[in-house]
Amino acid sequence: AIQAINGYTNMTAEEFTNMIFQKIDVNNDGELTLEEFINGVEKDEDLMELITKSFDLSNVLKVIQNG
């Protein structure tokens, strides 16, 4: 859903998820704790922007308006 809202359609959902885990799963256990997620997003400007856009419903409105 995050990909669709923000226009990240050049990756599959699995590739997108793997990219997120590579960036913020610091202990490489294949799971994200809340602490890892928060720290990872705070340290990565691209992820912070992506998460911020995900909660900004104006992008959803644009997608709806543009068909």
Protein backbone atom coordinates (compact mmCIF):
# COMPACT_ATOMS: atom_id res chain seq x y z
CA ALA A 1 0.00 0.00 0.00
CA ILE A 2 2.86 2.39 0.83
CA GLN A 3 4.37 1.74 -2.58
CA ALA A 4 1.11 2.43 -4.42
CA ILE A 5 0.34 5.61 -2.50
CA ASN A 6 3.80 7.05 -3.05
CA GLY A 7 4.47 5.85 -6.57
CA TYR A 8 7.11 3.23 -5.76
CA THR A 9 5.91 0.76 -8.36
CA ASN A 10 9.30 -0.12 -9.83
CA MET A 11 9.83 -2.76 -7.09
CA THR A 12 7.79 -5.77 -6.12
CA ALA A 13 6.34 -5.80 -2.62
CA GLU A 14 8.95 -8.42 -1.66
CA GLU A 15 11.84 -6.34 -3.03
CA PHE A 16 10.51 -3.28 -1.21
CA THR A 17 10.20 -5.19 2.07
CA ASN A 18 13.71 -6.62 1.69
CA MET A 19 15.10 -3.13 1.09
CA ILE A 20 13.42 -1.86 4.27
CA PHE A 21 14.78 -4.76 6.32
CA GLN A 22 18.30 -4.30 4.92
CA LYS A 23 18.22 -0.67 6.00
CA ILE A 24 16.80 -0.99 9.51
CA ASP A 25 17.07 -4.59 10.80
CA VAL A 26 20.34 -3.81 12.58
CA ASN A 27 20.80 -7.21 14.23
CA ASN A 28 19.83 -9.08 11.02
CA ASP A 29 17.42 -11.42 12.79
CA GLY A 30 14.70 -11.01 10.15
CA GLU A 31 12.40 -9.22 12.58
CA LEU A 32 11.90 -5.56 13.34
CA THR A 33 11.42 -4.42 16.89
CA LEU A 34 9.66 -1.13 17.47
CA GLU A 35 12.99 0.31 18.57
CA GLU A 36 14.74 -0.82 15.36
CA PHE A 37 11.91 0.59 13.26
CA ILE A 38 11.89 3.98 14.98
CA ASN A 39 15.69 4.31 14.99
CA GLY A 40 15.96 3.14 11.39
CA VAL A 41 13.36 5.56 10.10
CA GLU A 42 14.82 8.45 12.09
CA LYS A 43 18.30 7.80 10.63
CA ASP A 44 17.22 7.34 7.00
CA GLU A 45 15.87 10.47 5.31
CA ASP A 46 14.35 8.51 2.41
CA LEU A 47 12.45 6.21 4.75
CA MET A 48 11.32 9.14 6.88
CA GLU A 49 9.97 10.87 3.78
CA LEU A 50 8.27 7.67 2.64
CA ILE A 51 6.60 7.12 6.01
CA THR A 52 5.59 10.77 6.23
CA LYS A 53 3.99 10.62 2.78
CA SER A 54 2.17 7.45 3.78
CA PHE A 55 0.32 9.34 6.46
CA ASP A 56 -0.30 12.35 4.23
CA LEU A 57 -3.62 11.57 2.58
CA SER A 58 -3.17 14.27 -0.06
CA ASN A 59 -1.19 11.70 -2.09
CA VAL A 60 -4.17 9.34 -1.95
CA LEU A 61 -6.42 12.12 -3.19
CA LYS A 62 -4.04 12.80 -6.12
CA VAL A 63 -4.04 9.12 -7.08
CA ILE A 64 -7.84 9.05 -6.98
CA GLN A 65 -8.15 12.25 -9.00
CA ASN A 66 -5.67 11.05 -11.63
CA GLY A 67 -7.38 7.67 -11.98
